[in-house]
């Protein structure tokens, strides 16, 4: 089991920058989706 964890840690270190970049893009994407959803809900309630 420790061998698998060691291999996984090496893989993370190799692709650490790429993972961070993808994670930031994911967070930004989620934030934009929630922002648009909240804005849409707010406008919808405001119309009624």
Protein backbone atom coordinates (compact mmCIF):
# COMPACT_ATOMS: atom_id res chain seq x y z
CA UNK A 1 0.00 0.00 0.00
CA UNK A 2 2.82 2.39 0.83
CA UNK A 3 4.28 1.68 -2.61
CA UNK A 4 1.06 2.82 -4.30
CA UNK A 5 0.96 5.95 -2.17
CA UNK A 6 4.58 6.67 -3.05
CA UNK A 7 3.86 6.29 -6.77
CA UNK A 8 0.81 8.52 -6.42
CA UNK A 9 2.83 11.17 -4.61
CA UNK A 10 5.46 11.11 -7.37
CA UNK A 11 2.73 11.47 -9.98
CA UNK A 12 1.25 14.44 -8.11
CA UNK A 13 4.62 16.13 -7.87
CA UNK A 14 5.14 15.68 -11.61
CA UNK A 15 1.79 17.21 -12.50
CA UNK A 16 1.35 19.52 -9.52
CA UNK A 17 1.26 22.75 -11.54
CA UNK A 18 -1.15 21.24 -14.03
CA UNK A 19 -3.46 20.01 -11.28
CA UNK A 20 -3.44 23.43 -9.60
CA UNK A 21 -4.25 25.16 -12.87
CA UNK A 22 -7.11 22.77 -13.64
CA UNK A 23 -8.41 23.15 -10.07
CA UNK A 24 -8.40 26.94 -10.32
CA UNK A 25 -10.24 26.75 -13.64
CA UNK A 26 -12.77 24.40 -12.05
CA UNK A 27 -13.33 26.74 -9.11
CA UNK A 28 -13.70 29.70 -11.46
CA UNK A 29 -16.18 27.73 -13.58
CA UNK A 30 -18.21 26.75 -10.51
CA UNK A 31 -18.21 30.33 -9.23
CA UNK A 32 -19.46 31.66 -12.57
CA UNK A 33 -22.20 29.02 -12.75
CA UNK A 34 -23.42 29.81 -9.24
CA UNK A 35 -23.22 33.53 -9.92
CA UNK A 36 -25.37 33.26 -13.04
CA UNK A 37 -27.80 30.92 -11.29
CA UNK A 38 -28.21 33.27 -8.33
CA UNK A 39 -28.56 36.28 -10.62
CA UNK A 40 -31.22 34.48 -12.66
CA UNK A 41 -33.15 33.47 -9.55
CA UNK A 42 -32.96 37.01 -8.21
CA UNK A 43 -34.25 38.51 -11.46
CA UNK A 44 -37.02 35.93 -11.61
CA UNK A 45 -38.22 36.78 -8.11
CA UNK A 46 -37.91 40.48 -8.86
CA UNK A 47 -40.18 40.22 -11.92
CA UNK A 48 -43.00 38.75 -9.85
